[in-house]
Amino acid sequence: MPGVFFLMEDGKPDPMVNVRCKDETKELQDILENNHNLLPGEQIDPDDPCRWLLVKREMPVPDPSGGGDRWNIDFFFVDQNATPTFVECKRFGDTRSRREVVGQVLEYAANGDFYWDKEKIREYAEEAAKKRGMSLEEAWRAIQPKEVDSLDSFFDRLESNLRQGQIRIMFFMEEAPRELKSIVDFLNKQMERTEVLLVEARRYSGHGVTVVVPTLFGFTEEARLVKRNITVTPRGGRAWDWDRFFADARDKNVAESTIEAMKKLHDGFKDLFAEIVWGSGKVSASFNPKWGSVSSATVFQVWSSGSLSINFYLLDGSETARSFRDKLKEKVEQELKFNVPSDYKKKQPSYKDSVWVPKVDLLLQVLKELIRQHQETAV
């Protein structure tokens, strides 16, 4: 039975056709490379949805005994918590999706710390970011990294997680055989530090449109509790709030006018019913507003150093988010006269306090109007 429908003008549902994958490279790998959000971060962690930084597609796995490359992992991602995430793509008709691939990824989990070090991983990540028209710094900041405030610290943590076996293994498939679902469920309940997950990315076609519906399997609440109770990676971040943010800005000798503008932004975001997400970096503080009706991602990032970033790159999880992103870009460019890169959809441009502070009232006015328009459209 089809699971996705068009609702026609007469109110009757018209089922879309489930499309089987024929070309694994084009219909799974290429799509995932261009749409990282098909790995459903909200389903993995509803409280802090995973945000993905691509390290490398076709990540080579060295042969410890032979010296050459033994095979490739389809994708190596890392999330905002510096958790290494290995993704294997397989179409339903590939019989290897049942056994061989499970053996391979378990070997990654057991021996990953022998395969790569942080220098090699960072080199690959720089290449992947460059391919997307970004610097690694821009791509890294776009995922709003947790509890670290520098690239070096982030890759130190990534390497540490790899060595401790705190990794995530994901199977990305059009449809998973029942046997694989059972294996994933069993492994995820038994492995204390390693997450083993499965994503079915079913494709449906109709009326000249193809949609992809990703669904997560393997992370039951029982499995979540196992990870939550056992995982012991030390966390070095700080719990920031406005008072600590304010003190940190003063310690950094930020101008009083900038601190006042940041306070005005903070209060203005709350007046517009934003959820304020506080950063947890060890050195620098930040607050990040988000509007759940727009996106699960945050829209801005305000640093205690005085800089303001706009998270265009993150506003890509839905048509609503993309529409808001594009309107925000237009307003920021035309009314605030901020410089916005032409490839803004992939970027997180940052503005010094000398640029945004004089226009803080206009910024809040523009944002208020955008939120109002969004709410009227939603109704």
Protein backbone atom coordinates (compact mmCIF):
# COMPACT_ATOMS: atom_id res chain seq x y z
CA MET A 1 0.00 0.00 0.00
CA PRO A 2 1.33 3.47 -0.82
CA GLY A 3 2.27 5.66 2.14
CA VAL A 4 2.30 9.12 0.52
CA PHE A 5 -0.64 10.87 -1.14
CA PHE A 6 -1.41 14.00 -3.10
CA LEU A 7 -4.51 15.73 -1.78
CA MET A 8 -6.42 16.82 -4.88
CA GLU A 9 -8.58 19.94 -5.21
CA ASP A 10 -11.72 17.88 -4.70
CA GLY A 11 -10.29 16.65 -1.39
CA LYS A 12 -9.65 13.10 -2.61
CA PRO A 13 -6.24 11.52 -1.99
CA ASP A 14 -4.23 10.38 -5.00
CA PRO A 15 -1.54 7.81 -4.04
CA MET A 16 2.03 8.25 -5.16
CA VAL A 17 3.92 5.25 -6.52
CA ASN A 18 6.71 3.72 -4.46
CA VAL A 19 9.84 3.78 -6.66
CA ARG A 20 12.47 1.07 -6.34
CA CYS A 21 16.15 1.98 -6.47
CA LYS A 22 17.99 0.68 -9.52
CA ASP A 23 21.21 2.70 -9.36
CA GLU A 24 22.67 2.85 -5.85
CA THR A 25 25.15 5.58 -6.74
CA LYS A 26 22.69 8.01 -8.32
CA GLU A 27 19.57 7.22 -6.32
CA LEU A 28 21.08 6.88 -2.85
CA GLN A 29 24.65 8.18 -2.62
CA ASP A 30 24.35 11.24 -4.87
CA ILE A 31 21.09 12.29 -3.22
CA LEU A 32 22.55 11.92 0.28
CA GLU A 33 25.71 13.84 -0.62
CA ASN A 34 23.60 16.80 -1.73
CA ASN A 35 20.99 16.49 1.04
CA HIS A 36 22.60 15.63 4.38
CA ASN A 37 19.29 16.18 6.19
CA LEU A 38 18.03 12.90 4.74
CA LEU A 39 19.82 11.49 7.76
CA PRO A 40 16.97 12.46 10.11
CA GLY A 41 18.71 14.26 12.94
CA GLU A 42 15.45 15.11 14.70
CA GLN A 43 14.50 11.45 14.90
CA ILE A 44 17.91 10.55 16.34
CA ASP A 45 17.81 13.23 19.03
CA PRO A 46 14.61 15.28 19.29
CA ASP A 47 16.12 17.54 21.97
CA ASP A 48 19.23 18.45 19.97
CA PRO A 49 18.81 17.28 16.35
CA CYS A 50 21.99 16.03 14.70
CA ARG A 51 23.58 18.50 12.29
CA TRP A 52 25.99 17.02 9.80
CA LEU A 53 29.46 17.93 8.58
CA LEU A 54 30.62 15.76 5.69
CA VAL A 55 34.17 14.51 6.15
CA LYS A 56 34.39 12.42 3.00
CA ARG A 57 32.40 10.38 0.55
CA GLU A 58 34.05 7.07 -0.25
CA MET A 59 36.23 7.17 2.85
CA PRO A 60 39.15 4.78 2.27
CA VAL A 61 39.72 2.11 4.92
CA PRO A 62 43.38 1.03 5.04
CA ASP A 63 44.36 -2.60 5.38
CA PRO A 64 46.41 -2.74 8.61
CA SER A 65 48.45 -5.66 7.34
CA GLY A 66 48.69 -4.96 3.61
CA GLY A 67 49.24 -1.22 3.54
CA GLY A 68 46.77 -0.49 0.74
CA ASP A 69 43.13 0.51 0.96
CA ARG A 70 40.96 -2.46 1.86
CA TRP A 71 37.56 -0.94 1.01
CA ASN A 72 35.64 2.31 1.22
CA ILE A 73 32.95 3.56 3.59
CA ASP A 74 30.24 5.24 1.54
CA PHE A 75 30.17 8.32 3.80
CA PHE A 76 31.99 9.62 6.83
CA PHE A 77 30.03 12.38 8.62
CA VAL A 78 30.51 14.01 12.00
CA ASP A 79 27.79 15.73 14.03
CA GLN A 80 27.91 18.84 16.23
CA ASN A 81 29.02 16.70 19.18
CA ALA A 82 32.05 15.43 17.22
CA THR A 83 30.55 11.94 16.97
CA PRO A 84 32.06 10.06 13.99
CA THR A 85 29.22 8.74 11.85
CA PHE A 86 29.76 6.05 9.22
CA VAL A 87 27.04 5.61 6.61
CA GLU A 88 26.66 2.65 4.28
CA CYS A 89 24.18 2.88 1.41
CA LYS A 90 22.55 -0.26 0.03
CA ARG A 91 19.57 -0.84 -2.20
CA PHE A 92 16.98 -3.42 -1.19
CA GLY A 93 17.94 -5.81 -3.99
CA ASP A 94 21.58 -5.98 -2.87
CA THR A 95 21.85 -9.22 -0.88
CA ARG A 96 24.96 -7.88 0.84
CA SER A 97 22.67 -5.60 2.81
CA ARG A 98 21.87 -8.57 5.00
CA ARG A 99 25.21 -9.84 6.28
CA GLU A 100 28.39 -8.65 4.63
CA VAL A 101 27.77 -4.98 5.30
CA VAL A 102 27.09 -5.68 9.00
CA GLY A 103 30.47 -7.37 9.34
CA GLN A 104 32.21 -4.46 7.64
CA VAL A 105 30.76 -1.74 9.82
CA LEU A 106 31.45 -3.70 13.00
CA GLU A 107 35.07 -3.80 11.94
CA TYR A 108 35.00 0.00 11.62
CA ALA A 109 33.72 0.21 15.17
CA ALA A 110 36.38 -2.16 16.49
CA ASN A 111 39.36 -0.76 14.58
CA GLY A 112 38.53 2.78 13.51
CA ASP A 113 41.20 4.28 15.77
CA PHE A 114 43.83 2.32 13.81
CA TYR A 115 42.65 3.59 10.43
CA TRP A 116 42.70 7.38 10.72
CA ASP A 117 44.06 10.22 12.85
CA LYS A 118 42.66 13.71 13.26
CA GLU A 119 45.07 15.23 10.71
CA LYS A 120 43.91 12.93 7.94
CA ILE A 121 40.25 13.36 8.89
CA ARG A 122 40.62 17.14 8.91
CA GLU A 123 42.33 17.06 5.52
CA TYR A 124 39.40 15.14 4.05
CA ALA A 125 36.89 17.49 5.70
CA GLU A 126 38.65 20.52 4.19
CA GLU A 127 38.39 18.95 0.74
CA ALA A 128 34.68 18.20 1.23
CA ALA A 129 33.96 21.76 2.40
CA LYS A 130 35.88 23.24 -0.53
CA LYS A 131 33.80 21.14 -2.92
CA ARG A 132 30.68 22.77 -1.43
CA GLY A 133 32.16 26.24 -1.90
CA MET A 134 32.94 26.78 1.78
CA SER A 135 35.94 26.92 4.05
CA LEU A 136 36.13 24.21 6.71
CA GLU A 137 35.69 26.92 9.34
CA GLU A 138 32.42 28.02 7.72
CA ALA A 139 31.13 24.46 7.36
CA TRP A 140 32.07 23.68 10.95
CA ARG A 141 30.40 26.76 12.41
CA ALA A 142 27.29 26.05 10.34
CA ILE A 143 26.58 22.88 12.36
CA GLN A 144 26.82 24.90 15.60
CA PRO A 145 29.38 22.66 17.29
CA LYS A 146 28.76 21.77 20.91
CA GLU A 147 31.09 22.34 23.84
CA VAL A 148 34.17 23.33 21.83
CA ASP A 149 35.15 26.71 20.48
CA SER A 150 37.87 25.92 17.96
CA LEU A 151 38.40 23.58 15.04
CA ASP A 152 41.42 22.06 16.76
CA SER A 153 39.39 21.22 19.87
CA PHE A 154 36.61 19.78 17.72
CA PHE A 155 38.92 17.42 15.85
CA ASP A 156 40.66 16.47 19.09
CA ARG A 157 37.27 15.41 20.43
CA LEU A 158 36.43 13.58 17.21
CA GLU A 159 39.66 11.59 17.46
CA SER A 160 38.98 10.87 21.13
CA ASN A 161 35.49 9.60 20.36
CA LEU A 162 36.87 7.41 17.61
CA ARG A 163 39.42 5.87 19.97
CA GLN A 164 36.79 5.26 22.66
CA GLY A 165 34.43 3.61 20.21
CA GLN A 166 31.85 6.38 20.65
CA ILE A 167 30.70 6.32 17.08
CA ARG A 168 27.51 6.04 15.09
CA ILE A 169 26.90 3.47 12.34
CA MET A 170 24.03 4.07 9.95
CA PHE A 171 22.59 2.01 7.11
CA PHE A 172 20.93 4.22 4.49
CA MET A 173 18.57 2.22 2.28
CA GLU A 174 15.46 2.56 0.16
CA GLU A 175 13.94 -0.27 2.16
CA ALA A 176 15.49 -2.59 4.72
CA PRO A 177 14.97 -6.34 4.86
CA ARG A 178 13.40 -7.60 8.06
CA GLU A 179 16.54 -9.54 8.99
CA LEU A 180 18.67 -6.39 8.94
CA LYS A 181 16.17 -4.50 11.10
CA SER A 182 16.37 -7.30 13.67
CA ILE A 183 20.17 -7.23 13.65
CA VAL A 184 20.25 -3.44 14.04
CA ASP A 185 17.77 -3.54 16.90
CA PHE A 186 19.78 -6.24 18.69
CA LEU A 187 23.16 -4.54 18.21
CA ASN A 188 21.91 -1.13 19.28
CA LYS A 189 20.61 -2.51 22.55
CA GLN A 190 23.81 -4.42 23.28
CA MET A 191 26.55 -1.98 22.25
CA GLU A 192 27.16 0.47 25.06
CA ARG A 193 28.86 3.35 23.28
CA THR A 194 28.20 2.75 19.60
CA GLU A 195 24.87 3.67 18.00
CA VAL A 196 23.72 1.33 15.24
CA LEU A 197 20.88 2.84 13.24
CA LEU A 198 19.00 2.27 10.04
CA VAL A 199 17.34 4.85 7.81
CA GLU A 200 14.81 3.85 5.19
CA ALA A 201 14.67 6.56 2.53
CA ARG A 202 11.64 5.53 0.53
CA ARG A 203 11.02 7.35 -2.73
CA TYR A 204 7.58 8.11 -4.14
CA SER A 205 6.66 9.51 -7.53
CA GLY A 206 3.57 11.16 -8.93
CA HIS A 207 2.37 14.24 -10.80
CA GLY A 208 5.88 14.87 -12.07
CA VAL A 209 7.30 15.05 -8.54
CA THR A 210 9.55 12.67 -6.60
CA VAL A 211 9.69 12.84 -2.81
CA VAL A 212 11.97 11.08 -0.35
CA VAL A 213 10.65 10.08 3.10
CA PRO A 214 13.43 9.16 5.57
CA THR A 215 12.41 7.03 8.56
CA LEU A 216 14.70 5.98 11.42
CA PHE A 217 14.78 2.45 12.84
CA GLY A 218 16.80 1.00 15.70
CA PHE A 219 16.75 3.76 18.30
CA THR A 220 14.15 2.62 20.78
CA GLU A 221 13.77 4.36 24.11
CA GLU A 222 15.36 1.33 25.73
CA ALA A 223 18.43 1.77 23.55
CA ARG A 224 18.56 5.50 24.30
CA LEU A 225 18.68 4.78 28.02
CA VAL A 226 21.57 2.34 27.53
CA LYS A 227 23.62 5.00 25.71
CA ARG A 228 22.63 7.72 28.16
CA ASN A 229 23.61 5.70 31.21
CA ILE A 230 26.83 4.18 29.88
CA THR A 231 28.47 6.82 27.71
CA VAL A 232 31.28 8.47 29.66
CA THR A 233 33.12 10.79 27.30
CA PRO A 234 34.18 13.74 29.45
CA ARG A 235 32.44 16.95 28.54
CA GLY A 236 34.38 20.17 28.92
CA GLY A 237 31.73 22.71 27.97
CA ARG A 238 30.29 25.43 30.15
CA ALA A 239 26.67 26.09 31.02
CA TRP A 240 26.11 29.63 29.75
CA ASP A 241 23.25 31.97 30.58
CA TRP A 242 22.79 35.71 30.17
CA ASP A 243 24.74 36.67 33.32
CA ARG A 244 27.70 34.49 32.37
CA PHE A 245 27.46 35.66 28.75
CA PHE A 246 27.51 39.29 29.91
CA ALA A 247 30.52 38.65 32.17
CA ASP A 248 32.38 36.85 29.38
CA ALA A 249 31.79 39.77 27.00
CA ARG A 250 33.22 42.16 29.61
CA ASP A 251 36.23 39.88 30.11
CA LYS A 252 36.81 40.10 26.37
CA ASN A 253 36.75 43.91 26.59
CA VAL A 254 33.71 44.18 24.33
CA ALA A 255 32.42 47.73 24.05
CA GLU A 256 29.52 48.70 26.31
CA SER A 257 27.50 49.77 23.25
CA THR A 258 27.89 46.26 21.80
CA ILE A 259 26.88 44.61 25.08
CA GLU A 260 23.79 46.80 25.22
CA ALA A 261 22.94 45.85 21.61
CA MET A 262 23.38 42.15 22.40
CA LYS A 263 21.05 42.52 25.37
CA LYS A 264 18.54 44.26 23.09
CA LEU A 265 18.81 41.35 20.62
CA HIS A 266 18.40 38.77 23.37
CA ASP A 267 15.29 40.47 24.77
CA GLY A 268 13.94 41.20 21.28
CA PHE A 269 14.22 37.55 20.27
CA LYS A 270 12.32 36.53 23.41
CA ASP A 271 9.64 39.14 22.72
CA LEU A 272 9.18 37.45 19.33
CA PHE A 273 8.66 34.12 21.17
CA ALA A 274 11.98 32.59 20.17
CA GLU A 275 13.49 29.69 22.07
CA ILE A 276 16.96 30.79 23.19
CA VAL A 277 19.54 28.01 22.87
CA TRP A 278 22.70 28.75 24.81
CA GLY A 279 26.05 27.56 23.49
CA SER A 280 28.32 25.41 25.63
CA GLY A 281 31.80 26.31 24.42
CA LYS A 282 34.63 26.29 26.93
CA VAL A 283 36.07 29.65 25.88
CA SER A 284 33.37 31.65 24.07
CA ALA A 285 29.68 32.02 24.87
CA SER A 286 26.85 32.34 22.39
CA PHE A 287 23.07 32.49 22.33
CA ASN A 288 21.06 31.21 19.41
CA PRO A 289 17.36 31.92 18.79
CA LYS A 290 15.10 29.50 16.95
CA TRP A 291 11.43 29.50 16.06
CA GLY A 292 9.96 26.00 15.97
CA SER A 293 7.29 27.02 13.47
CA VAL A 294 10.07 28.03 11.05
CA SER A 295 12.71 25.36 11.59
CA SER A 296 14.26 23.10 14.21
CA ALA A 297 17.53 24.91 13.48
CA THR A 298 18.59 28.22 14.97
CA VAL A 299 18.44 31.33 12.78
CA PHE A 300 21.15 33.51 14.36
CA GLN A 301 24.25 32.99 16.49
CA VAL A 302 25.35 35.86 18.74
CA TRP A 303 28.85 35.50 20.22
CA SER A 304 30.17 37.09 23.41
CA SER A 305 32.98 38.54 21.28
CA GLY A 306 30.35 40.77 19.64
CA SER A 307 29.94 39.09 16.26
CA LEU A 308 26.58 38.05 14.79
CA SER A 309 26.14 35.13 12.38
CA ILE A 310 23.13 34.28 10.22
CA ASN A 311 22.58 30.53 9.82
CA PHE A 312 21.35 30.46 6.21
CA TYR A 313 23.03 27.07 5.80
CA LEU A 314 20.91 25.45 8.49
CA LEU A 315 17.55 26.67 7.16
CA ASP A 316 17.12 23.85 4.68
CA GLY A 317 15.07 21.23 6.48
CA SER A 318 11.68 22.06 4.94
CA GLU A 319 9.98 24.25 2.37
CA THR A 320 8.90 26.55 5.21
CA ALA A 321 12.49 26.95 6.40
CA ARG A 322 13.78 27.57 2.89
CA SER A 323 11.10 30.19 2.20
CA PHE A 324 11.93 31.99 5.45
CA ARG A 325 15.67 31.79 4.64
CA ASP A 326 15.22 33.38 1.22
CA LYS A 327 13.02 36.19 2.54
CA LEU A 328 15.47 36.83 5.37
CA LYS A 329 18.33 37.07 2.86
CA GLU A 330 16.40 39.57 0.77
CA LYS A 331 15.58 41.76 3.78
CA VAL A 332 19.08 41.62 5.22
CA GLU A 333 20.57 42.59 1.88
CA GLN A 334 18.10 45.25 0.80
CA GLU A 335 17.06 46.90 4.07
CA LEU A 336 20.03 46.33 6.37
CA LYS A 337 22.57 46.64 3.54
CA PHE A 338 24.60 43.70 4.87
CA ASN A 339 26.86 41.93 2.40
CA VAL A 340 25.41 38.47 1.71
CA PRO A 341 27.39 35.90 -0.32
CA SER A 342 25.79 34.81 -3.60
CA ASP A 343 25.88 31.18 -2.44
CA TYR A 344 24.28 32.13 0.89
CA LYS A 345 22.27 28.90 0.99
CA LYS A 346 25.50 27.11 1.87
CA LYS A 347 26.89 29.79 4.14
CA GLN A 348 26.83 31.21 7.66
CA PRO A 349 28.03 34.79 7.12
CA SER A 350 29.35 36.55 10.19
CA TYR A 351 29.19 40.31 10.86
CA LYS A 352 31.35 42.31 13.25
CA ASP A 353 29.68 44.48 15.86
CA SER A 354 30.73 47.59 13.91
CA VAL A 355 28.41 46.38 11.13
CA TRP A 356 25.29 45.20 12.97
CA VAL A 357 25.17 47.17 16.22
CA PRO A 358 24.20 50.50 14.57
CA LYS A 359 21.30 48.67 12.88
CA VAL A 360 20.10 46.52 15.77
CA ASP A 361 16.68 48.22 15.95
CA LEU A 362 16.15 47.83 12.22
CA LEU A 363 17.25 44.19 12.42
CA LEU A 364 14.61 43.44 15.05
CA GLN A 365 11.99 45.35 13.06
CA VAL A 366 12.79 43.33 9.92
CA LEU A 367 12.68 40.09 11.90
CA LYS A 368 9.36 41.02 13.51
CA GLU A 369 7.83 41.61 10.08
CA LEU A 370 9.18 38.32 8.73
CA ILE A 371 7.80 36.37 11.70
CA ARG A 372 4.42 38.09 11.26
CA GLN A 373 4.34 37.23 7.54
CA HIS A 374 5.31 33.65 8.31
CA GLN A 375 2.52 33.29 10.86
CA GLU A 376 -0.07 34.75 8.48
CA THR A 377 1.06 32.37 5.72
CA ALA A 378 0.90 29.39 8.08
CA VAL A 379 -2.70 30.28 8.98
